[in-house]
Amino acid sequence: MTAGIKILLGAIVVAGALIWLGFVGFQESKAYYITVDEYTSMKESLGGKTLKLAGEVVAGSIDRSKPHMEFVIANQDKTIRVQYIGNGIIPDTFKDGTKALVEGTAAPGGIFQASHIEAKCASKYEAEYEKRRTP
C-alpha cells in the first residue's frame, strides 16, 4: 500500500469518527421544552428524554436540607416535585414564586431530576431596566 492511500484511509477514519461524535453530542444536547401541565399529561411517553420544564417555584417548597435540593414547580393547577442533582451554582434569583426553567429527566417515583436550573429575573428588575432605557 502506498503512503497516499494510507493517508487517505486515515483521513476517512478520522472524518467518520468526528461525524459520529458530532451526531452523538447533538442527540445528547437536544431537549424538549414543555410546561408542567404538558409534562403531567405526557410523562409516560417522556421516559429517558432530556426535557426543559418551565413553571413557577411554589412558595415554601424549597428544601435545602436534603443531599440534593428539592422544590416544587407549578403551572396552572399542576405541580411537579424537582430534585436538583446538578453541581452548578443555583442562581441568586431562584426563590419562592420565581419563574424557573429546569433541565433534566423524569425519574422513577414521579420526581423530575434537574441537572440545570435557570431563574427568570423578577419583573421589578425588568421594569427598572425599561425606565432607564426610555428618554
Protein backbone atom coordinates (compact mmCIF):
# COMPACT_ATOMS: atom_id res chain seq x y z
CA MET A 1 0.00 0.00 0.00
CA THR A 2 1.35 3.39 -0.88
CA ALA A 3 1.71 6.28 1.56
CA GLY A 4 -1.00 8.26 -0.25
CA ILE A 5 -3.59 5.51 0.22
CA LYS A 6 -2.69 5.14 3.93
CA ILE A 7 -3.14 8.88 4.46
CA LEU A 8 -6.48 8.82 2.61
CA LEU A 9 -7.75 5.88 4.68
CA GLY A 10 -6.59 7.57 7.88
CA ALA A 11 -8.39 10.80 6.90
CA ILE A 12 -11.60 8.86 6.15
CA VAL A 13 -11.46 7.12 9.55
CA VAL A 14 -10.86 10.43 11.37
CA ALA A 15 -13.65 12.19 9.45
CA GLY A 16 -16.06 9.33 10.17
CA ALA A 17 -15.21 9.43 13.89
CA LEU A 18 -15.75 13.20 14.03
CA ILE A 19 -19.11 12.93 12.27
CA TRP A 20 -20.22 10.17 14.66
CA LEU A 21 -19.11 12.16 17.75
CA GLY A 22 -20.91 15.25 16.46
CA PHE A 23 -24.13 13.29 15.93
CA VAL A 24 -23.99 11.67 19.38
CA GLY A 25 -23.26 15.04 21.04
CA PHE A 26 -26.18 16.66 19.23
CA GLN A 27 -28.56 13.89 20.31
CA GLU A 28 -27.48 14.23 23.95
CA SER A 29 -27.85 18.02 23.98
CA LYS A 30 -31.30 18.02 22.39
CA ALA A 31 -34.04 18.89 24.93
CA TYR A 32 -37.79 19.28 24.58
CA TYR A 33 -39.29 22.46 26.11
CA ILE A 34 -42.61 21.85 27.87
CA THR A 35 -44.66 23.29 30.72
CA VAL A 36 -45.61 21.48 33.93
CA ASP A 37 -49.17 20.78 32.79
CA GLU A 38 -47.90 19.34 29.47
CA TYR A 39 -45.42 17.17 31.41
CA THR A 40 -48.08 15.73 33.72
CA SER A 41 -50.27 14.74 30.79
CA MET A 42 -47.40 13.20 28.77
CA LYS A 43 -44.97 11.83 31.39
CA GLU A 44 -45.45 8.15 30.46
CA SER A 45 -44.14 8.82 26.95
CA LEU A 46 -41.24 11.05 28.07
CA GLY A 47 -39.08 8.49 29.88
CA GLY A 48 -35.37 8.89 29.22
CA LYS A 49 -35.72 12.11 27.19
CA THR A 50 -33.94 15.29 28.21
CA LEU A 51 -36.54 17.97 28.92
CA LYS A 52 -36.67 21.65 29.73
CA LEU A 53 -39.56 22.13 32.11
CA ALA A 54 -40.97 25.61 32.81
CA GLY A 55 -43.04 26.63 35.81
CA GLU A 56 -43.23 28.79 38.92
CA VAL A 57 -41.49 27.79 42.16
CA VAL A 58 -44.19 27.07 44.75
CA ALA A 59 -43.84 29.22 47.89
CA GLY A 60 -42.34 27.30 50.82
CA SER A 61 -41.38 24.27 48.72
CA ILE A 62 -37.60 24.81 48.51
CA ASP A 63 -35.90 22.22 50.76
CA ARG A 64 -32.11 22.60 51.01
CA SER A 65 -31.76 20.20 53.97
CA LYS A 66 -31.52 17.05 51.82
CA PRO A 67 -28.37 15.89 49.99
CA HIS A 68 -29.99 17.16 46.77
CA MET A 69 -32.10 20.31 46.97
CA GLU A 70 -35.79 19.68 46.26
CA PHE A 71 -38.60 22.05 45.34
CA VAL A 72 -41.95 22.09 43.57
CA ILE A 73 -42.77 23.96 40.38
CA ALA A 74 -46.29 24.63 39.17
CA ASN A 75 -48.15 25.80 36.11
CA GLN A 76 -51.90 26.38 36.19
CA ASP A 77 -53.16 23.73 38.64
CA LYS A 78 -50.44 21.09 38.07
CA THR A 79 -47.29 20.61 40.19
CA ILE A 80 -44.07 18.62 39.84
CA ARG A 81 -41.50 17.80 42.54
CA VAL A 82 -37.99 18.57 41.30
CA GLN A 83 -34.73 17.25 42.70
CA TYR A 84 -31.64 19.24 41.71
CA ILE A 85 -28.77 16.82 41.04
CA GLY A 86 -26.53 19.26 39.17
CA ASN A 87 -23.32 20.71 40.51
CA GLY A 88 -23.68 24.25 39.17
CA ILE A 89 -24.33 27.28 41.31
CA ILE A 90 -28.00 27.98 41.93
CA PRO A 91 -28.94 31.48 40.70
CA ASP A 92 -29.49 34.21 43.32
CA THR A 93 -32.85 34.94 41.72
CA PHE A 94 -34.08 31.39 42.44
CA LYS A 95 -36.66 31.99 45.19
CA ASP A 96 -40.30 31.27 46.07
CA GLY A 97 -42.61 32.47 43.33
CA THR A 98 -39.85 32.77 40.71
CA LYS A 99 -40.44 31.55 37.20
CA ALA A 100 -37.93 28.76 36.67
CA LEU A 101 -36.67 26.61 33.83
CA VAL A 102 -35.19 23.25 34.83
CA GLU A 103 -33.42 20.85 32.51
CA GLY A 104 -33.18 17.14 33.24
CA THR A 105 -35.04 13.84 33.03
CA ALA A 106 -38.01 12.12 34.62
CA ALA A 107 -37.02 9.76 37.44
CA PRO A 108 -38.95 6.84 38.93
CA GLY A 109 -41.46 7.90 41.55
CA GLY A 110 -42.65 10.97 39.67
CA ILE A 111 -39.71 13.19 40.65
CA PHE A 112 -38.05 15.27 37.94
CA GLN A 113 -34.25 15.19 38.27
CA ALA A 114 -32.82 18.51 37.14
CA SER A 115 -29.19 18.92 36.16
CA HIS A 116 -29.55 22.64 35.39
CA ILE A 117 -31.69 25.46 36.84
CA GLU A 118 -32.42 28.89 35.38
CA ALA A 119 -34.48 31.51 37.18
CA LYS A 120 -36.06 34.43 35.38
CA CYS A 121 -35.43 37.87 36.80
CA ALA A 122 -38.22 39.37 38.80
CA SER A 123 -40.41 41.82 36.92
CA LYS A 124 -39.19 44.69 39.15
CA TYR A 125 -35.74 44.38 37.54
CA GLU A 126 -37.25 44.38 34.06
CA ALA A 127 -39.33 47.48 34.90
CA GLU A 128 -36.24 49.28 36.23
CA TYR A 129 -34.34 48.43 33.04
CA GLU A 130 -37.18 49.78 30.88
CA LYS A 131 -37.28 53.03 32.91
CA ARG A 132 -33.57 53.62 32.29
CA ARG A 133 -33.87 52.93 28.55
CA THR A 134 -36.69 55.36 27.82
CA PRO A 135 -35.62 59.02 27.50
